[in-house]
N, C-alpha and C. Protein backbone atom coordinates (compact mmCIF):
# COMPACT_ATOMS: atom_id res chain seq x y z
N MET A 1 -3.39 8.19 12.97
CA MET A 1 -3.12 6.82 12.62
C MET A 1 -2.70 6.76 11.16
N LYS A 2 -1.65 6.04 10.90
CA LYS A 2 -1.18 5.88 9.53
C LYS A 2 -1.81 4.61 8.94
N VAL A 3 -2.37 4.76 7.76
CA VAL A 3 -3.02 3.63 7.07
C VAL A 3 -2.43 3.56 5.67
N TRP A 4 -2.10 2.36 5.25
CA TRP A 4 -1.57 2.11 3.92
C TRP A 4 -2.63 1.41 3.10
N GLY A 5 -2.65 1.65 1.79
CA GLY A 5 -3.67 1.00 0.99
C GLY A 5 -3.35 0.98 -0.49
N HIS A 6 -4.24 0.36 -1.21
CA HIS A 6 -4.12 0.24 -2.66
C HIS A 6 -5.51 0.05 -3.23
N SER A 7 -5.73 0.56 -4.41
CA SER A 7 -7.00 0.33 -5.09
C SER A 7 -6.71 -0.13 -6.52
N SER A 8 -7.70 -0.76 -7.10
CA SER A 8 -7.58 -1.24 -8.47
C SER A 8 -8.96 -1.17 -9.11
N GLU A 9 -8.99 -0.87 -10.39
CA GLU A 9 -10.27 -0.69 -11.06
C GLU A 9 -10.28 -1.37 -12.42
N VAL A 10 -11.38 -2.03 -12.70
CA VAL A 10 -11.70 -2.52 -14.03
C VAL A 10 -13.03 -1.88 -14.38
N PRO A 11 -13.40 -1.80 -15.63
CA PRO A 11 -14.66 -1.14 -15.98
C PRO A 11 -15.83 -1.65 -15.14
N GLY A 12 -16.42 -0.74 -14.38
CA GLY A 12 -17.60 -1.06 -13.58
C GLY A 12 -17.32 -1.48 -12.15
N SER A 13 -16.08 -1.70 -11.78
CA SER A 13 -15.81 -2.21 -10.43
C SER A 13 -14.49 -1.65 -9.89
N LEU A 14 -14.55 -1.16 -8.66
CA LEU A 14 -13.34 -0.67 -8.00
C LEU A 14 -13.21 -1.39 -6.66
N THR A 15 -12.03 -1.88 -6.36
CA THR A 15 -11.75 -2.53 -5.08
C THR A 15 -10.65 -1.75 -4.39
N ARG A 16 -10.81 -1.54 -3.09
CA ARG A 16 -9.82 -0.79 -2.31
C ARG A 16 -9.56 -1.53 -1.01
N THR A 17 -8.29 -1.66 -0.65
CA THR A 17 -7.89 -2.27 0.60
C THR A 17 -7.02 -1.28 1.36
N ALA A 18 -7.24 -1.19 2.65
CA ALA A 18 -6.43 -0.33 3.51
C ALA A 18 -6.09 -1.13 4.76
N ALA A 19 -4.92 -0.85 5.34
CA ALA A 19 -4.48 -1.58 6.53
C ALA A 19 -3.59 -0.69 7.39
N THR A 20 -3.60 -0.97 8.70
CA THR A 20 -2.67 -0.30 9.58
C THR A 20 -1.27 -0.80 9.28
N THR A 21 -0.27 -0.04 9.69
CA THR A 21 1.11 -0.40 9.37
C THR A 21 1.53 -1.72 9.98
N ASP A 22 0.90 -2.12 11.10
CA ASP A 22 1.25 -3.40 11.72
C ASP A 22 0.46 -4.58 11.14
N GLY A 23 -0.50 -4.28 10.24
CA GLY A 23 -1.29 -5.33 9.59
C GLY A 23 -2.37 -5.94 10.47
N GLU A 24 -2.58 -5.39 11.65
CA GLU A 24 -3.58 -5.94 12.57
C GLU A 24 -5.01 -5.58 12.18
N HIS A 25 -5.18 -4.51 11.45
CA HIS A 25 -6.52 -4.05 11.06
C HIS A 25 -6.52 -3.84 9.55
N VAL A 26 -7.33 -4.62 8.84
CA VAL A 26 -7.41 -4.56 7.39
C VAL A 26 -8.86 -4.37 6.98
N PHE A 27 -9.10 -3.54 5.98
CA PHE A 27 -10.44 -3.24 5.50
C PHE A 27 -10.43 -3.27 3.98
N THR A 28 -11.36 -3.99 3.37
CA THR A 28 -11.48 -4.06 1.92
C THR A 28 -12.91 -3.73 1.52
N LEU A 29 -13.08 -2.93 0.48
CA LEU A 29 -14.41 -2.63 -0.02
C LEU A 29 -14.41 -2.71 -1.53
N ASN A 30 -15.58 -2.90 -2.08
CA ASN A 30 -15.79 -2.93 -3.52
C ASN A 30 -16.99 -2.06 -3.81
N ARG A 31 -16.89 -1.26 -4.86
CA ARG A 31 -18.03 -0.42 -5.26
C ARG A 31 -18.17 -0.41 -6.77
N ASN A 32 -19.37 -0.11 -7.22
CA ASN A 32 -19.64 0.04 -8.63
C ASN A 32 -19.02 1.36 -9.06
N SER A 33 -17.99 1.31 -9.88
CA SER A 33 -17.30 2.54 -10.27
C SER A 33 -18.00 3.29 -11.40
N ASP A 34 -19.05 2.72 -11.95
CA ASP A 34 -19.82 3.44 -12.97
C ASP A 34 -20.70 4.52 -12.35
N TRP A 35 -21.23 4.25 -11.16
CA TRP A 35 -22.09 5.25 -10.53
C TRP A 35 -21.85 5.40 -9.02
N GLY A 36 -20.95 4.64 -8.45
CA GLY A 36 -20.66 4.78 -7.02
C GLY A 36 -19.99 6.11 -6.72
N ASP A 37 -20.22 6.64 -5.54
CA ASP A 37 -19.70 7.94 -5.15
C ASP A 37 -18.34 7.80 -4.47
N PRO A 38 -17.26 8.31 -5.07
CA PRO A 38 -15.93 8.20 -4.47
C PRO A 38 -15.86 8.81 -3.06
N ALA A 39 -16.64 9.84 -2.80
CA ALA A 39 -16.63 10.46 -1.46
C ALA A 39 -17.14 9.48 -0.40
N LEU A 40 -18.11 8.66 -0.76
CA LEU A 40 -18.62 7.66 0.20
C LEU A 40 -17.58 6.58 0.45
N GLU A 41 -16.80 6.26 -0.57
CA GLU A 41 -15.71 5.29 -0.41
C GLU A 41 -14.70 5.79 0.62
N GLN A 42 -14.28 7.03 0.47
CA GLN A 42 -13.32 7.61 1.42
C GLN A 42 -13.94 7.72 2.82
N ALA A 43 -15.21 8.06 2.90
CA ALA A 43 -15.89 8.17 4.19
C ALA A 43 -15.93 6.81 4.88
N ALA A 44 -16.12 5.74 4.13
CA ALA A 44 -16.14 4.39 4.72
C ALA A 44 -14.78 4.03 5.30
N VAL A 45 -13.70 4.36 4.59
CA VAL A 45 -12.35 4.08 5.09
C VAL A 45 -12.08 4.89 6.37
N GLU A 46 -12.45 6.17 6.34
CA GLU A 46 -12.23 7.01 7.52
C GLU A 46 -13.06 6.53 8.72
N ALA A 47 -14.29 6.12 8.48
CA ALA A 47 -15.13 5.61 9.57
C ALA A 47 -14.54 4.34 10.16
N GLU A 48 -13.98 3.49 9.32
CA GLU A 48 -13.41 2.23 9.78
C GLU A 48 -12.18 2.45 10.66
N PHE A 49 -11.33 3.38 10.27
CA PHE A 49 -10.07 3.56 10.99
C PHE A 49 -10.06 4.73 11.97
N CYS A 50 -10.93 5.69 11.78
CA CYS A 50 -10.90 6.88 12.64
C CYS A 50 -12.16 7.05 13.48
N GLY A 51 -13.20 6.30 13.15
CA GLY A 51 -14.49 6.49 13.80
C GLY A 51 -14.65 5.69 14.98
């Protein structure tokens, strides 16, 4: 499955949105970028679209 996305970060906060190419399935998450684990962020996206 192809998923398109974008992320943006300001000090202390990261937001990431991903969507299928047809726009029918969209997922947005926010994490504390000071101590949040980037691997868990990617795992959440994969679980949403591949799990």
